PDB file of all heavy atoms in Angstrom:
ATOM      1  N   ASP A   1     201.655 347.402 140.332  1.00  0.00           N
ATOM      2  CA  ASP A   1     201.296 348.835 140.108  1.00  0.00           C
ATOM      3  C   ASP A   1     200.683 349.326 141.399  1.00  0.00           C
ATOM      4  O   ASP A   1     199.458 349.198 141.548  1.00  0.00           O
ATOM      5  CB  ASP A   1     200.350 348.951 138.967  1.00  0.00           C
ATOM      6  CG  ASP A   1     199.915 350.337 138.575  1.00  0.00           C
ATOM      7  OD1 ASP A   1     200.080 351.239 139.395  1.00  0.00           O
ATOM      8  OD2 ASP A   1     199.489 350.604 137.405  1.00  0.00           O
ATOM      9  N   LEU A   2     201.471 349.943 142.220  1.00  0.00           N
ATOM     10  CA  LEU A   2     200.933 350.344 143.547  1.00  0.00           C
ATOM     11  C   LEU A   2     199.713 351.165 143.550  1.00  0.00           C
ATOM     12  O   LEU A   2     198.793 350.819 144.311  1.00  0.00           O
ATOM     13  CB  LEU A   2     202.100 351.144 144.243  1.00  0.00           C
ATOM     14  CG  LEU A   2     203.158 350.277 144.993  1.00  0.00           C
ATOM     15  CD1 LEU A   2     204.385 351.169 145.379  1.00  0.00           C
ATOM     16  CD2 LEU A   2     202.579 349.674 146.212  1.00  0.00           C
ATOM     17  N   THR A   3     199.611 352.041 142.723  1.00  0.00           N
ATOM     18  CA  THR A   3     198.437 352.945 142.672  1.00  0.00           C
ATOM     19  C   THR A   3     197.196 352.263 142.142  1.00  0.00           C
ATOM     20  O   THR A   3     196.178 352.285 142.788  1.00  0.00           O
ATOM     21  CB  THR A   3     198.732 354.208 141.770  1.00  0.00           C
ATOM     22  OG1 THR A   3     199.972 354.779 142.222  1.00  0.00           O
ATOM     23  CG2 THR A   3     197.629 355.193 141.866  1.00  0.00           C
ATOM     24  N   ALA A   4     197.287 351.581 141.010  1.00  0.00           N
ATOM     25  CA  ALA A   4     196.200 350.944 140.432  1.00  0.00           C
ATOM     26  C   ALA A   4     195.800 349.643 141.253  1.00  0.00           C
ATOM     27  O   ALA A   4     194.661 349.319 141.401  1.00  0.00           O
ATOM     28  CB  ALA A   4     196.389 350.583 139.020  1.00  0.00           C
ATOM     29  N   ASP A   5     196.801 349.009 141.789  1.00  0.00           N
ATOM     30  CA  ASP A   5     196.585 347.785 142.586  1.00  0.00           C
ATOM     31  C   ASP A   5     195.724 348.194 143.880  1.00  0.00           C
ATOM     32  O   ASP A   5     194.872 347.345 144.206  1.00  0.00           O
ATOM     33  CB  ASP A   5     197.862 347.114 143.011  1.00  0.00           C
ATOM     34  CG  ASP A   5     198.563 346.440 141.837  1.00  0.00           C
ATOM     35  OD1 ASP A   5     197.947 346.319 140.764  1.00  0.00           O
ATOM     36  OD2 ASP A   5     199.693 345.987 142.035  1.00  0.00           O
ATOM     37  N   ALA A   6     196.087 349.283 144.447  1.00  0.00           N
ATOM     38  CA  ALA A   6     195.309 349.697 145.655  1.00  0.00           C
ATOM     39  C   ALA A   6     193.886 349.882 145.331  1.00  0.00           C
ATOM     40  O   ALA A   6     192.956 349.529 146.122  1.00  0.00           O
ATOM     41  CB  ALA A   6     195.937 350.971 146.188  1.00  0.00           C
ATOM     42  N   TYR A   7     193.594 350.442 144.131  1.00  0.00           N
ATOM     43  CA  TYR A   7     192.134 350.522 143.740  1.00  0.00           C
ATOM     44  C   TYR A   7     191.529 349.219 143.448  1.00  0.00           C
ATOM     45  O   TYR A   7     190.381 348.956 143.858  1.00  0.00           O
ATOM     46  CB  TYR A   7     192.114 351.512 142.565  1.00  0.00           C
ATOM     47  CG  TYR A   7     190.686 351.827 142.051  1.00  0.00           C
ATOM     48  CD1 TYR A   7     189.744 352.303 142.921  1.00  0.00           C
ATOM     49  CD2 TYR A   7     190.320 351.595 140.770  1.00  0.00           C
ATOM     50  CE1 TYR A   7     188.417 352.655 142.460  1.00  0.00           C
ATOM     51  CE2 TYR A   7     189.010 351.891 140.307  1.00  0.00           C
ATOM     52  CZ  TYR A   7     188.114 352.443 141.173  1.00  0.00           C
ATOM     53  OH  TYR A   7     186.811 352.682 140.799  1.00  0.00           O
ATOM     54  N   ALA A   8     192.252 348.388 142.676  1.00  0.00           N
ATOM     55  CA  ALA A   8     191.671 347.016 142.351  1.00  0.00           C
ATOM     56  C   ALA A   8     191.452 346.247 143.581  1.00  0.00           C
ATOM     57  O   ALA A   8     190.537 345.345 143.608  1.00  0.00           O
ATOM     58  CB  ALA A   8     192.649 346.348 141.465  1.00  0.00           C
ATOM     59  N   ALA A   9     192.241 346.429 144.636  1.00  0.00           N
ATOM     60  CA  ALA A   9     192.042 345.654 145.870  1.00  0.00           C
ATOM     61  C   ALA A   9     190.695 345.892 146.573  1.00  0.00           C
ATOM     62  O   ALA A   9     190.321 345.156 147.460  1.00  0.00           O
ATOM     63  CB  ALA A   9     193.218 345.976 146.843  1.00  0.00           C
ATOM     64  N   LEU A  10     190.063 346.910 146.085  1.00  0.00           N
ATOM     65  CA  LEU A  10     188.681 347.183 146.648  1.00  0.00           C
ATOM     66  C   LEU A  10     187.556 346.424 146.088  1.00  0.00           C
ATOM     67  O   LEU A  10     186.364 346.607 146.429  1.00  0.00           O
ATOM     68  CB  LEU A  10     188.370 348.740 146.441  1.00  0.00           C
ATOM     69  CG  LEU A  10     189.279 349.773 147.036  1.00  0.00           C
ATOM     70  CD1 LEU A  10     188.869 351.160 146.634  1.00  0.00           C
ATOM     71  CD2 LEU A  10     189.454 349.596 148.524  1.00  0.00           C
ATOM     72  N   MET A  11     187.975 345.425 145.184  1.00  0.00           N
ATOM     73  CA  MET A  11     186.889 344.669 144.448  1.00  0.00           C
ATOM     74  C   MET A  11     185.931 343.958 145.514  1.00  0.00           C
ATOM     75  O   MET A  11     184.823 343.824 145.278  1.00  0.00           O
ATOM     76  CB  MET A  11     187.486 343.673 143.524  1.00  0.00           C
ATOM     77  CG  MET A  11     187.788 344.178 142.157  1.00  0.00           C
ATOM     78  SD  MET A  11     188.234 342.893 141.016  1.00  0.00           S
ATOM     79  CE  MET A  11     189.806 342.411 141.593  1.00  0.00           C
ATOM     80  N   ARG A  12     186.521 343.421 146.598  1.00  0.00           N
ATOM     81  CA  ARG A  12     185.619 342.706 147.473  1.00  0.00           C
ATOM     82  C   ARG A  12     184.690 343.581 148.153  1.00  0.00           C
ATOM     83  O   ARG A  12     183.528 343.200 148.579  1.00  0.00           O
ATOM     84  CB  ARG A  12     186.524 342.005 148.521  1.00  0.00           C
ATOM     85  CG  ARG A  12     187.302 340.765 147.938  1.00  0.00           C
ATOM     86  CD  ARG A  12     188.020 339.995 149.072  1.00  0.00           C
ATOM     87  NE  ARG A  12     188.569 338.729 148.584  1.00  0.00           N
ATOM     88  CZ  ARG A  12     189.221 337.931 149.376  1.00  0.00           C
ATOM     89  NH1 ARG A  12     189.467 338.172 150.631  1.00  0.00           N
ATOM     90  NH2 ARG A  12     189.685 336.772 148.850  1.00  0.00           N
ATOM     91  N   GLU A  13     185.004 344.824 148.381  1.00  0.00           N
ATOM     92  CA  GLU A  13     184.135 345.822 149.002  1.00  0.00           C
ATOM     93  C   GLU A  13     183.076 346.384 148.010  1.00  0.00           C
ATOM     94  O   GLU A  13     181.963 346.536 148.373  1.00  0.00           O
ATOM     95  CB  GLU A  13     185.004 346.930 149.570  1.00  0.00           C
ATOM     96  CG  GLU A  13     184.187 348.056 150.272  1.00  0.00           C
ATOM     97  CD  GLU A  13     185.067 349.119 150.762  1.00  0.00           C
ATOM     98  OE1 GLU A  13     186.279 348.975 150.843  1.00  0.00           O
ATOM     99  OE2 GLU A  13     184.523 350.224 151.194  1.00  0.00           O
ATOM    100  N   HIS A  14     183.545 346.691 146.813  1.00  0.00           N
ATOM    101  CA  HIS A  14     182.637 347.443 145.853  1.00  0.00           C
ATOM    102  C   HIS A  14     182.130 346.520 144.704  1.00  0.00           C
ATOM    103  O   HIS A  14     181.180 346.877 144.132  1.00  0.00           O
ATOM    104  CB  HIS A  14     183.375 348.634 145.310  1.00  0.00           C
ATOM    105  CG  HIS A  14     183.719 349.695 146.258  1.00  0.00           C
ATOM    106  ND1 HIS A  14     182.857 350.681 146.636  1.00  0.00           N
ATOM    107  CD2 HIS A  14     184.870 349.923 146.999  1.00  0.00           C
ATOM    108  CE1 HIS A  14     183.446 351.513 147.532  1.00  0.00           C
ATOM    109  NE2 HIS A  14     184.638 351.040 147.752  1.00  0.00           N
ATOM    110  N   GLY A  15     182.914 345.481 144.333  1.00  0.00           N
ATOM    111  CA  GLY A  15     182.601 344.702 143.195  1.00  0.00           C
ATOM    112  C   GLY A  15     183.285 345.255 142.042  1.00  0.00           C
ATOM    113  O   GLY A  15     183.557 346.468 141.973  1.00  0.00           O
ATOM    114  N   PHE A  16     183.687 344.362 141.059  1.00  0.00           N
ATOM    115  CA  PHE A  16     184.529 344.828 140.018  1.00  0.00           C
ATOM    116  C   PHE A  16     183.783 345.774 138.972  1.00  0.00           C
ATOM    117  O   PHE A  16     184.371 346.690 138.475  1.00  0.00           O
ATOM    118  CB  PHE A  16     185.096 343.637 139.232  1.00  0.00           C
ATOM    119  CG  PHE A  16     184.299 343.088 138.091  1.00  0.00           C
ATOM    120  CD1 PHE A  16     184.501 343.506 136.745  1.00  0.00           C
ATOM    121  CD2 PHE A  16     183.293 342.204 138.321  1.00  0.00           C
ATOM    122  CE1 PHE A  16     183.765 343.019 135.711  1.00  0.00           C
ATOM    123  CE2 PHE A  16     182.576 341.669 137.309  1.00  0.00           C
ATOM    124  CZ  PHE A  16     182.750 342.141 136.019  1.00  0.00           C
ATOM    125  N   ARG A  17     182.521 345.584 138.878  1.00  0.00           N
ATOM    126  CA  ARG A  17     181.687 346.463 137.975  1.00  0.00           C
ATOM    127  C   ARG A  17     181.664 347.889 138.458  1.00  0.00           C
ATOM    128  O   ARG A  17     181.758 348.852 137.752  1.00  0.00           O
ATOM    129  CB  ARG A  17     180.329 345.873 137.694  1.00  0.00           C
ATOM    130  CG  ARG A  17     179.432 346.714 136.838  1.00  0.00           C
ATOM    131  CD  ARG A  17     180.054 347.125 135.528  1.00  0.00           C
ATOM    132  NE  ARG A  17     180.444 346.080 134.709  1.00  0.00           N
ATOM    133  CZ  ARG A  17     181.207 346.189 133.637  1.00  0.00           C
ATOM    134  NH1 ARG A  17     181.570 347.373 133.261  1.00  0.00           N
ATOM    135  NH2 ARG A  17     181.519 345.128 132.907  1.00  0.00           N
ATOM    136  N   ALA A  18     181.518 348.021 139.787  1.00  0.00           N
ATOM    137  CA  ALA A  18     181.442 349.363 140.421  1.00  0.00           C
ATOM    138  C   ALA A  18     182.705 350.068 140.199  1.00  0.00           C
ATOM    139  O   ALA A  18     182.804 351.271 139.974  1.00  0.00           O
ATOM    140  CB  ALA A  18     181.010 349.249 141.881  1.00  0.00           C
ATOM    141  N   LEU A  19     183.818 349.334 140.411  1.00  0.00           N
ATOM    142  CA  LEU A  19     185.179 349.947 140.200  1.00  0.00           C
ATOM    143  C   LEU A  19     185.371 350.494 138.781  1.00  0.00           C
ATOM    144  O   LEU A  19     185.851 351.542 138.512  1.00  0.00           O
ATOM    145  CB  LEU A  19     186.318 348.971 140.561  1.00  0.00           C
ATOM    146  CG  LEU A  19     186.361 348.456 142.032  1.00  0.00           C
ATOM    147  CD1 LEU A  19     187.626 347.700 142.209  1.00  0.00           C
ATOM    148  CD2 LEU A  19     186.390 349.759 142.983  1.00  0.00           C
ATOM    149  N   VAL A  20     184.889 349.652 137.797  1.00  0.00           N
ATOM    150  CA  VAL A  20     185.027 350.032 136.417  1.00  0.00           C
ATOM    151  C   VAL A  20     184.136 351.266 136.145  1.00  0.00           C
ATOM    152  O   VAL A  20     184.527 352.235 135.463  1.00  0.00           O
ATOM    153  CB  VAL A  20     184.576 348.924 135.568  1.00  0.00           C
ATOM    154  CG1 VAL A  20     184.487 349.294 134.006  1.00  0.00           C
ATOM    155  CG2 VAL A  20     185.542 347.739 135.568  1.00  0.00           C
ATOM    156  N   ASP A  21     182.968 351.279 136.653  1.00  0.00           N
ATOM    157  CA  ASP A  21     182.038 352.383 136.436  1.00  0.00           C
ATOM    158  C   ASP A  21     182.518 353.672 136.991  1.00  0.00           C
ATOM    159  O   ASP A  21     182.516 354.717 136.426  1.00  0.00           O
ATOM    160  CB  ASP A  21     180.640 352.100 136.998  1.00  0.00           C
ATOM    161  CG  ASP A  21     179.922 351.022 136.233  1.00  0.00           C
ATOM    162  OD1 ASP A  21     180.299 350.678 135.059  1.00  0.00           O
ATOM    163  OD2 ASP A  21     178.948 350.433 136.790  1.00  0.00           O
ATOM    164  N   MET A  22     183.059 353.616 138.282  1.00  0.00           N
ATOM    165  CA  MET A  22     183.653 354.805 138.825  1.00  0.00           C
ATOM    166  C   MET A  22     184.881 355.294 138.075  1.00  0.00           C
ATOM    167  O   MET A  22     185.017 356.551 137.869  1.00  0.00           O
ATOM    168  CB  MET A  22     183.933 354.551 140.352  1.00  0.00           C
ATOM    169  CG  MET A  22     182.805 354.505 141.264  1.00  0.00           C
ATOM    170  SD  MET A  22     183.264 354.512 142.965  1.00  0.00           S
ATOM    171  CE  MET A  22     183.999 352.848 143.251  1.00  0.00           C
ATOM    172  N   LEU A  23     185.724 354.406 137.618  1.00  0.00           N
ATOM    173  CA  LEU A  23     186.816 354.900 136.854  1.00  0.00           C
ATOM    174  C   LEU A  23     186.393 355.561 135.587  1.00  0.00           C
ATOM    175  O   LEU A  23     186.995 356.537 135.107  1.00  0.00           O
ATOM    176  CB  LEU A  23     187.783 353.691 136.648  1.00  0.00           C
ATOM    177  CG  LEU A  23     189.078 353.975 135.717  1.00  0.00           C
ATOM    178  CD1 LEU A  23     189.882 355.067 136.412  1.00  0.00           C
ATOM    179  CD2 LEU A  23     189.873 352.723 135.545  1.00  0.00           C
ATOM    180  N   THR A  24     185.479 354.925 134.889  1.00  0.00           N
ATOM    181  CA  THR A  24     184.873 355.506 133.661  1.00  0.00           C
ATOM    182  C   THR A  24     184.459 356.889 133.887  1.00  0.00           C
ATOM    183  O   THR A  24     184.785 357.876 133.128  1.00  0.00           O
ATOM    184  CB  THR A  24     183.766 354.661 133.124  1.00  0.00           C
ATOM    185  OG1 THR A  24     184.304 353.298 132.861  1.00  0.00           O
ATOM    186  CG2 THR A  24     183.224 355.172 131.838  1.00  0.00           C
ATOM    187  N   ARG A  25     183.660 357.157 134.924  1.00  0.00           N
ATOM    188  CA  ARG A  25     183.120 358.466 135.232  1.00  0.00           C
ATOM    189  C   ARG A  25     184.255 359.393 135.549  1.00  0.00           C
ATOM    190  O   ARG A  25     184.196 360.623 135.145  1.00  0.00           O
ATOM    191  CB  ARG A  25     182.135 358.341 136.384  1.00  0.00           C
ATOM    192  CG  ARG A  25     180.800 357.762 135.998  1.00  0.00           C
ATOM    193  CD  ARG A  25     179.909 357.526 137.260  1.00  0.00           C
ATOM    194  NE  ARG A  25     179.709 358.784 137.930  1.00  0.00           N
ATOM    195  CZ  ARG A  25     179.381 358.878 139.193  1.00  0.00           C
ATOM    196  NH1 ARG A  25     179.123 357.699 139.971  1.00  0.00           N
ATOM    197  NH2 ARG A  25     179.217 360.010 139.839  1.00  0.00           N
ATOM    198  N   ALA A  26     185.258 358.960 136.274  1.00  0.00           N
ATOM    199  CA  ALA A  26     186.393 359.821 136.734  1.00  0.00           C
ATOM    200  C   ALA A  26     187.191 360.257 135.473  1.00  0.00           C
ATOM    201  O   ALA A  26     187.624 361.405 135.432  1.00  0.00           O
ATOM    202  CB  ALA A  26     187.294 359.068 137.691  1.00  0.00           C
ATOM    203  N   CYS A  27     187.302 359.342 134.497  1.00  0.00           N
ATOM    204  CA  CYS A  27     188.014 359.786 133.255  1.00  0.00           C
ATOM    205  C   CYS A  27     187.167 360.748 132.414  1.00  0.00           C
ATOM    206  O   CYS A  27     187.704 361.714 131.927  1.00  0.00           O
ATOM    207  CB  CYS A  27     188.286 358.518 132.437  1.00  0.00           C
ATOM    208  SG  CYS A  27     189.613 357.456 133.111  1.00  0.00           S
TER     209      CYS A  27
END
């Protein structure tokens, strides 16, 4: 999934919890 994969690939930089939190707020 090119779009979601690009976001998930940021885990090393932001951490998985931060990615989840930002997505939750964006929704």
